[in-house]
PDB file of N, CA and C in Angstrom:
ATOM      1  N   UNK A   1      18.299  -0.836  -2.497  1.00  0.00           N
ATOM      2  CA  UNK A   1      18.399  -2.617  -1.717  1.00  0.00           C
ATOM      3  C   UNK A   1      17.137  -3.144  -2.069  1.00  0.00           C
ATOM      4  N   UNK A   2      17.286  -3.649  -3.524  1.00  0.00           N
ATOM      5  CA  UNK A   2      16.152  -4.364  -4.146  1.00  0.00           C
ATOM      6  C   UNK A   2      15.588  -5.657  -3.040  1.00  0.00           C
ATOM      7  N   UNK A   3      16.670  -5.875  -2.143  1.00  0.00           N
ATOM      8  CA  UNK A   3      16.322  -7.508  -1.630  1.00  0.00           C
ATOM      9  C   UNK A   3      15.000  -6.875  -0.546  1.00  0.00           C
ATOM     10  N   UNK A   4      14.859  -6.042   0.023  1.00  0.00           N
ATOM     11  CA  UNK A   4      14.322  -5.141   0.815  1.00  0.00           C
ATOM     12  C   UNK A   4      12.741  -5.074   0.052  1.00  0.00           C
ATOM     13  N   UNK A   5      12.879  -5.119  -1.301  1.00  0.00           N
ATOM     14  CA  UNK A   5      11.313  -5.001  -2.096  1.00  0.00           C
ATOM     15  C   UNK A   5      10.626  -6.137  -2.859  1.00  0.00           C
ATOM     16  N   UNK A   6      10.971  -7.338  -2.149  1.00  0.00           N
ATOM     17  CA  UNK A   6      10.793  -8.326  -2.932  1.00  0.00           C
ATOM     18  C   UNK A   6       9.668  -8.547  -3.325  1.00  0.00           C
ATOM     19  N   UNK A   7       8.400  -8.925  -2.407  1.00  0.00           N
ATOM     20  CA  UNK A   7       7.142  -8.911  -2.558  1.00  0.00           C
ATOM     21  C   UNK A   7       6.255  -8.514  -1.686  1.00  0.00           C
ATOM     22  N   UNK A   8       5.115  -6.721  -2.208  1.00  0.00           N
ATOM     23  CA  UNK A   8       4.718  -6.336  -0.901  1.00  0.00           C
ATOM     24  C   UNK A   8       3.132  -5.894  -1.864  1.00  0.00           C
ATOM     25  N   UNK A   9       1.889  -5.548  -1.151  1.00  0.00           N
ATOM     26  CA  UNK A   9       1.364  -5.262  -1.249  1.00  0.00           C
ATOM     27  C   UNK A   9       0.239  -4.097   0.142  1.00  0.00           C
ATOM     28  N   UNK A  10      -0.300  -3.164  -0.641  1.00  0.00           N
ATOM     29  CA  UNK A  10      -0.935  -2.109  -0.232  1.00  0.00           C
ATOM     30  C   UNK A  10      -2.515  -2.855   0.159  1.00  0.00           C
ATOM     31  N   UNK A  11      -2.900  -2.769   1.517  1.00  0.00           N
ATOM     32  CA  UNK A  11      -4.021  -3.425   2.428  1.00  0.00           C
ATOM     33  C   UNK A  11      -4.808  -2.064   2.795  1.00  0.00           C
ATOM     34  N   UNK A  12      -6.014  -2.289   2.917  1.00  0.00           N
ATOM     35  CA  UNK A  12      -6.751  -1.221   3.555  1.00  0.00           C
ATOM     36  C   UNK A  12      -7.811  -1.370   3.881  1.00  0.00           C
ATOM     37  N   UNK A  13      -8.483  -1.026   5.035  1.00  0.00           N
ATOM     38  CA  UNK A  13      -9.918  -1.644   6.072  1.00  0.00           C
ATOM     39  C   UNK A  13      -9.802  -1.580   7.046  1.00  0.00           C
ATOM     40  N   UNK A  14     -10.861  -1.920   8.140  1.00  0.00           N
ATOM     41  CA  UNK A  14     -11.698  -1.726   9.499  1.00  0.00           C
ATOM     42  C   UNK A  14     -10.327  -1.934  10.195  1.00  0.00           C
ATOM     43  N   UNK A  15      -9.471  -3.018  10.213  1.00  0.00           N
ATOM     44  CA  UNK A  15      -8.683  -3.897  10.973  1.00  0.00           C
ATOM     45  C   UNK A  15      -7.345  -3.368  11.156  1.00  0.00           C
ATOM     46  N   UNK A  16      -7.115  -4.031  12.096  1.00  0.00           N
ATOM     47  CA  UNK A  16      -5.731  -3.144  12.509  1.00  0.00           C
ATOM     48  C   UNK A  16      -4.834  -4.066  12.144  1.00  0.00           C
ATOM     49  N   UNK A  17      -4.967  -5.680  12.192  1.00  0.00           N
ATOM     50  CA  UNK A  17      -4.037  -6.010  11.172  1.00  0.00           C
ATOM     51  C   UNK A  17      -4.399  -6.584   9.353  1.00  0.00           C
ATOM     52  N   UNK A  18      -3.491  -5.774   9.292  1.00  0.00           N
ATOM     53  CA  UNK A  18      -3.153  -5.271   8.042  1.00  0.00           C
ATOM     54  C   UNK A  18      -3.876  -6.142   6.757  1.00  0.00           C
ATOM     55  N   UNK A  19      -3.336  -8.115   7.285  1.00  0.00           N
ATOM     56  CA  UNK A  19      -3.950  -9.318   6.264  1.00  0.00           C
ATOM     57  C   UNK A  19      -5.000  -9.545   6.352  1.00  0.00           C
ATOM     58  N   UNK A  20      -5.885  -9.044   7.983  1.00  0.00           N
ATOM     59  CA  UNK A  20      -7.227  -9.096   7.577  1.00  0.00           C
ATOM     60  C   UNK A  20      -7.802  -8.078   6.699  1.00  0.00           C
ATOM     61  N   UNK A  21      -7.387  -7.389   5.912  1.00  0.00           N
ATOM     62  CA  UNK A  21      -8.095  -6.162   5.189  1.00  0.00           C
ATOM     63  C   UNK A  21      -7.635  -6.361   3.815  1.00  0.00           C
ATOM     64  N   UNK A  22      -8.426  -6.026   2.575  1.00  0.00           N
ATOM     65  CA  UNK A  22      -8.402  -6.136   1.599  1.00  0.00           C
ATOM     66  C   UNK A  22      -7.155  -5.674   0.709  1.00  0.00           C
ATOM     67  N   UNK A  23      -6.902  -6.139  -0.287  1.00  0.00           N
ATOM     68  CA  UNK A  23      -6.109  -5.598  -1.129  1.00  0.00           C
ATOM     69  C   UNK A  23      -6.344  -4.314  -2.414  1.00  0.00           C
ATOM     70  N   UNK A  24      -5.402  -3.268  -1.896  1.00  0.00           N
ATOM     71  CA  UNK A  24      -5.566  -2.109  -3.002  1.00  0.00           C
ATOM     72  C   UNK A  24      -4.629  -1.996  -3.435  1.00  0.00           C
ATOM     73  N   UNK A  25      -4.935  -2.677  -4.392  1.00  0.00           N
ATOM     74  CA  UNK A  25      -3.832  -2.663  -5.862  1.00  0.00           C
ATOM     75  C   UNK A  25      -3.102  -4.137  -5.719  1.00  0.00           C
ATOM     76  N   UNK A  26      -2.354  -4.199  -6.645  1.00  0.00           N
ATOM     77  CA  UNK A  26      -1.571  -5.368  -6.898  1.00  0.00           C
ATOM     78  C   UNK A  26      -0.704  -5.783  -6.604  1.00  0.00           C
ATOM     79  N   UNK A  27       0.062  -6.730  -5.908  1.00  0.00           N
ATOM     80  CA  UNK A  27       1.720  -7.291  -5.884  1.00  0.00           C
ATOM     81  C   UNK A  27       2.511  -6.512  -6.022  1.00  0.00           C
ATOM     82  N   UNK A  28       3.809  -5.744  -5.764  1.00  0.00           N
ATOM     83  CA  UNK A  28       4.883  -5.353  -5.995  1.00  0.00           C
ATOM     84  C   UNK A  28       5.459  -5.806  -5.870  1.00  0.00           C
ATOM     85  N   UNK A  29       6.809  -5.248  -6.791  1.00  0.00           N
ATOM     86  CA  UNK A  29       8.047  -6.317  -6.261  1.00  0.00           C
ATOM     87  C   UNK A  29       9.271  -5.338  -6.468  1.00  0.00           C
ATOM     88  N   UNK A  30      10.670  -5.218  -6.480  1.00  0.00           N
ATOM     89  CA  UNK A  30      11.394  -4.159  -7.030  1.00  0.00           C
ATOM     90  C   UNK A  30      11.568  -4.476  -8.601  1.00  0.00           C
ATOM     91  N   UNK A  31      10.667  -4.872  -8.719  1.00  0.00           N
ATOM     92  CA  UNK A  31      10.934  -4.813 -10.241  1.00  0.00           C
ATOM     93  C   UNK A  31       9.887  -3.732 -11.104  1.00  0.00           C
ATOM     94  N   UNK A  32       9.064  -3.601 -10.505  1.00  0.00           N
ATOM     95  CA  UNK A  32       7.855  -2.832 -10.286  1.00  0.00           C
ATOM     96  C   UNK A  32       8.156  -1.141 -10.617  1.00  0.00           C
ATOM     97  N   UNK A  33       9.234  -0.890 -10.225  1.00  0.00           N
ATOM     98  CA  UNK A  33       9.483   1.003 -10.365  1.00  0.00           C
ATOM     99  C   UNK A  33      11.349   0.879 -10.129  1.00  0.00           C
ATOM    100  N   UNK A  34      11.908   1.722 -10.820  1.00  0.00           N
ATOM    101  CA  UNK A  34      13.272   1.883 -10.335  1.00  0.00           C
ATOM    102  C   UNK A  34      13.283   2.397  -9.182  1.00  0.00           C
ATOM    103  N   UNK A  35      14.976   2.267  -8.241  1.00  0.00           N
ATOM    104  CA  UNK A  35      15.166   2.920  -7.110  1.00  0.00           C
ATOM    105  C   UNK A  35      15.517   3.700  -7.199  1.00  0.00           C
ATOM    106  N   UNK A  36      15.014   4.182  -5.980  1.00  0.00           N
ATOM    107  CA  UNK A  36      14.825   5.839  -5.689  1.00  0.00           C
ATOM    108  C   UNK A  36      14.158   6.723  -6.631  1.00  0.00           C
ATOM    109  N   UNK A  37      12.859   6.399  -6.799  1.00  0.00           N
ATOM    110  CA  UNK A  37      11.709   6.794  -7.661  1.00  0.00           C
ATOM    111  C   UNK A  37      10.664   6.820  -6.338  1.00  0.00           C
ATOM    112  N   UNK A  38       9.346   7.105  -6.625  1.00  0.00           N
ATOM    113  CA  UNK A  38       8.196   7.100  -5.793  1.00  0.00           C
ATOM    114  C   UNK A  38       7.342   6.229  -6.707  1.00  0.00           C
ATOM    115  N   UNK A  39       6.486   6.120  -5.929  1.00  0.00           N
ATOM    116  CA  UNK A  39       5.161   4.809  -6.931  1.00  0.00           C
ATOM    117  C   UNK A  39       3.951   5.213  -6.040  1.00  0.00           C
ATOM    118  N   UNK A  40       3.203   5.333  -6.965  1.00  0.00           N
ATOM    119  CA  UNK A  40       1.817   5.737  -6.889  1.00  0.00           C
ATOM    120  C   UNK A  40       0.983   4.226  -6.653  1.00  0.00           C
ATOM    121  N   UNK A  41       0.554   4.087  -5.519  1.00  0.00           N
ATOM    122  CA  UNK A  41      -0.244   2.642  -5.783  1.00  0.00           C
ATOM    123  C   UNK A  41      -2.131   3.455  -5.577  1.00  0.00           C
ATOM    124  N   UNK A  42      -2.550   3.085  -6.174  1.00  0.00           N
ATOM    125  CA  UNK A  42      -3.796   3.387  -6.160  1.00  0.00           C
ATOM    126  C   UNK A  42      -4.774   2.059  -6.147  1.00  0.00           C
ATOM    127  N   UNK A  43      -6.219   2.520  -5.055  1.00  0.00           N
ATOM    128  CA  UNK A  43      -7.073   1.743  -5.298  1.00  0.00           C
ATOM    129  C   UNK A  43      -8.098   1.520  -6.563  1.00  0.00           C
ATOM    130  N   UNK A  44      -8.157  -0.195  -7.101  1.00  0.00           N
ATOM    131  CA  UNK A  44      -9.018   0.179  -8.198  1.00  0.00           C
ATOM    132  C   UNK A  44     -10.392   0.316  -7.826  1.00  0.00           C
ATOM    133  N   UNK A  45     -11.000   0.254  -6.374  1.00  0.00           N
ATOM    134  CA  UNK A  45     -12.258   0.463  -6.455  1.00  0.00           C
ATOM    135  C   UNK A  45     -12.495   1.374  -5.137  1.00  0.00           C
ATOM    136  N   UNK A  46     -13.675   2.042  -4.897  1.00  0.00           N
ATOM    137  CA  UNK A  46     -13.528   2.630  -3.802  1.00  0.00           C
ATOM    138  C   UNK A  46     -13.724   1.655  -2.666  1.00  0.00           C
ATOM    139  N   UNK A  47     -12.601   2.432  -1.324  1.00  0.00           N
ATOM    140  CA  UNK A  47     -12.774   1.375  -0.207  1.00  0.00           C
ATOM    141  C   UNK A  47     -13.263   2.195   0.979  1.00  0.00           C
ATOM    142  N   UNK A  48     -14.153   1.644   1.583  1.00  0.00           N
ATOM    143  CA  UNK A  48     -14.088   2.690   3.047  1.00  0.00           C
ATOM    144  C   UNK A  48     -12.914   1.767   3.987  1.00  0.00           C
ATOM    145  N   UNK A  49     -12.085   2.645   4.860  1.00  0.00           N
ATOM    146  CA  UNK A  49     -10.712   2.337   5.721  1.00  0.00           C
ATOM    147  C   UNK A  49     -10.596   2.850   6.801  1.00  0.00           C
ATOM    148  N   UNK A  50     -10.106   2.612   7.707  1.00  0.00           N
ATOM    149  CA  UNK A  50      -9.992   3.137   8.702  1.00  0.00           C
ATOM    150  C   UNK A  50      -8.086   2.838   8.961  1.00  0.00           C
ATOM    151  N   UNK A  51      -7.649   1.836   8.378  1.00  0.00           N
ATOM    152  CA  UNK A  51      -6.051   1.415   8.526  1.00  0.00           C
ATOM    153  C   UNK A  51      -5.440   1.088   7.365  1.00  0.00           C
ATOM    154  N   UNK A  52      -4.594   1.876   6.751  1.00  0.00           N
ATOM    155  CA  UNK A  52      -3.921   1.472   5.590  1.00  0.00           C
ATOM    156  C   UNK A  52      -2.895   0.375   6.027  1.00  0.00           C
ATOM    157  N   UNK A  53      -1.928  -0.269   5.612  1.00  0.00           N
ATOM    158  CA  UNK A  53      -1.209  -1.003   5.892  1.00  0.00           C
ATOM    159  C   UNK A  53      -0.519  -1.690   4.471  1.00  0.00           C
ATOM    160  N   UNK A  54       1.145  -2.040   5.074  1.00  0.00           N
ATOM    161  CA  UNK A  54       1.759  -2.811   3.890  1.00  0.00           C
ATOM    162  C   UNK A  54       2.130  -3.584   4.210  1.00  0.00           C
ATOM    163  N   UNK A  55       1.910  -4.996   3.606  1.00  0.00           N
ATOM    164  CA  UNK A  55       2.681  -6.242   3.844  1.00  0.00           C
ATOM    165  C   UNK A  55       3.571  -6.981   2.577  1.00  0.00           C
ATOM    166  N   UNK A  56       4.623  -7.478   3.256  1.00  0.00           N
ATOM    167  CA  UNK A  56       5.251  -8.167   2.378  1.00  0.00           C
ATOM    168  C   UNK A  56       5.476  -9.429   2.562  1.00  0.00           C
ATOM    169  N   UNK A  57       5.678 -10.673   1.905  1.00  0.00           N
ATOM    170  CA  UNK A  57       6.043 -11.686   1.702  1.00  0.00           C
ATOM    171  C   UNK A  57       7.769 -12.114   1.229  1.00  0.00           C
ATOM    172  N   UNK A  58       8.612 -12.456   1.697  1.00  0.00           N
ATOM    173  CA  UNK A  58       9.584 -12.680   1.168  1.00  0.00           C
ATOM    174  C   UNK A  58      10.756 -12.968   2.510  1.00  0.00           C
ATOM    175  N   UNK A  59      12.186 -13.500   2.434  1.00  0.00           N
ATOM    176  CA  UNK A  59      12.815 -13.239   3.347  1.00  0.00           C
ATOM    177  C   UNK A  59      13.603 -12.238   4.179  1.00  0.00           C
ATOM    178  N   UNK A  60      13.480 -11.164   3.591  1.00  0.00           N
ATOM    179  CA  UNK A  60      13.964  -9.843   4.488  1.00  0.00           C
ATOM    180  C   UNK A  60      12.893  -8.849   4.760  1.00  0.00           C
ATOM    181  N   UNK A  61      13.032  -7.934   5.456  1.00  0.00           N
ATOM    182  CA  UNK A  61      12.315  -6.884   5.923  1.00  0.00           C
ATOM    183  C   UNK A  61      12.000  -5.694   4.956  1.00  0.00           C
ATOM    184  N   UNK A  62      10.354  -5.364   4.933  1.00  0.00           N
ATOM    185  CA  UNK A  62      10.425  -4.565   3.812  1.00  0.00           C
ATOM    186  C   UNK A  62      10.805  -3.455   4.422  1.00  0.00           C
ATOM    187  N   UNK A  63      11.788  -2.487   3.378  1.00  0.00           N
ATOM    188  CA  UNK A  63      12.259  -1.125   3.896  1.00  0.00           C
ATOM    189  C   UNK A  63      11.812  -0.112   3.151  1.00  0.00           C
ATOM    190  N   UNK A  64      11.165   1.377   3.291  1.00  0.00           N
ATOM    191  CA  UNK A  64      10.537   2.040   3.017  1.00  0.00           C
ATOM    192  C   UNK A  64      11.277   3.202   3.170  1.00  0.00           C
ATOM    193  N   UNK A  65      11.619   4.689   2.354  1.00  0.00           N
ATOM    194  CA  UNK A  65      11.877   5.398   2.776  1.00  0.00           C
ATOM    195  C   UNK A  65      10.687   6.574   3.692  1.00  0.00           C
ATOM    196  N   UNK A  66       9.248   6.784   3.131  1.00  0.00           N
ATOM    197  CA  UNK A  66       8.585   7.484   3.214  1.00  0.00           C
ATOM    198  C   UNK A  66       6.967   6.619   2.324  1.00  0.00           C
ATOM    199  N   UNK A  67       5.615   7.411   3.528  1.00  0.00           N
ATOM    200  CA  UNK A  67       4.598   6.568   3.433  1.00  0.00           C
ATOM    201  C   UNK A  67       3.724   7.640   3.563  1.00  0.00           C
ATOM    202  N   UNK A  68       2.504   8.047   2.895  1.00  0.00           N
ATOM    203  CA  UNK A  68       1.691   8.649   2.510  1.00  0.00           C
ATOM    204  C   UNK A  68       0.404   8.345   1.898  1.00  0.00           C
ATOM    205  N   UNK A  69      -0.678   8.097   3.006  1.00  0.00           N
ATOM    206  CA  UNK A  69      -1.960   7.915   2.508  1.00  0.00           C
ATOM    207  C   UNK A  69      -2.590   8.734   2.643  1.00  0.00           C
ATOM    208  N   UNK A  70      -3.772   9.087   1.394  1.00  0.00           N
ATOM    209  CA  UNK A  70      -4.728  10.170   0.861  1.00  0.00           C
ATOM    210  C   UNK A  70      -6.001   9.801   0.758  1.00  0.00           C
ATOM    211  N   UNK A  71      -7.343   9.969   1.281  1.00  0.00           N
ATOM    212  CA  UNK A  71      -8.994   9.726   0.895  1.00  0.00           C
ATOM    213  C   UNK A  71      -8.780  10.566   0.348  1.00  0.00           C
ATOM    214  N   UNK A  72     -10.136  10.072  -0.777  1.00  0.00           N
ATOM    215  CA  UNK A  72     -10.855  11.118  -2.093  1.00  0.00           C
ATOM    216  C   UNK A  72     -12.174  10.838  -0.802  1.00  0.00           C
ATOM    217  N   UNK A  73     -12.538  11.831  -1.009  1.00  0.00           N
ATOM    218  CA  UNK A  73     -14.168  12.034  -0.021  1.00  0.00           C
ATOM    219  C   UNK A  73     -15.006  12.310  -1.518  1.00  0.00           C
ATOM    220  N   UNK A  74     -14.777  12.626  -2.499  1.00  0.00           N
ATOM    221  CA  UNK A  74     -15.803  12.757  -3.430  1.00  0.00           C
ATOM    222  C   UNK A  74     -16.303  13.837  -3.337  1.00  0.00           C
ATOM    223  N   UNK A  75     -17.348  14.648  -4.235  1.00  0.00           N
ATOM    224  CA  UNK A  75     -17.745  16.305  -4.759  1.00  0.00           C
ATOM    225  C   UNK A  75     -18.435  16.548  -3.341  1.00  0.00           C
ATOM    226  N   UNK A  76     -19.201  15.787  -2.838  1.00  0.00           N
ATOM    227  CA  UNK A  76     -20.180  15.910  -1.514  1.00  0.00           C
ATOM    228  C   UNK A  76     -20.039  15.869  -0.221  1.00  0.00           C
ATOM    229  N   UNK A  77     -18.414  15.837  -0.389  1.00  0.00           N
ATOM    230  CA  UNK A  77     -17.949  15.574   1.290  1.00  0.00           C
ATOM    231  C   UNK A  77     -17.281  16.954   2.080  1.00  0.00           C
ATOM    232  N   UNK A  78     -18.108  17.066   3.055  1.00  0.00           N
ATOM    233  CA  UNK A  78     -17.649  18.059   3.970  1.00  0.00           C
ATOM    234  C   UNK A  78     -16.545  17.740   4.789  1.00  0.00           C
ATOM    235  N   UNK A  79     -15.796  18.603   5.401  1.00  0.00           N
ATOM    236  CA  UNK A  79     -14.994  18.112   6.445  1.00  0.00           C
ATOM    237  C   UNK A  79     -15.097  18.612   7.630  1.00  0.00           C
TER     238      UNK A  79
END
């Protein structure tokens, strides 16, 4: 359903409201990738974040099947 993929963006930061957090990557559209495939969005720079959100601008709701978020901790990080 490409109408559910109008314009969206991943945002990450300290605020629960994703609109208040900085963007992680560019605005995406349904033309960004073929339907039925996975899309990996990487932050262009290191971003400390507690919350990861997806915001959408468009006439309809954003439809997602599955979302996974990963953190890179670097070589010296410990669990």
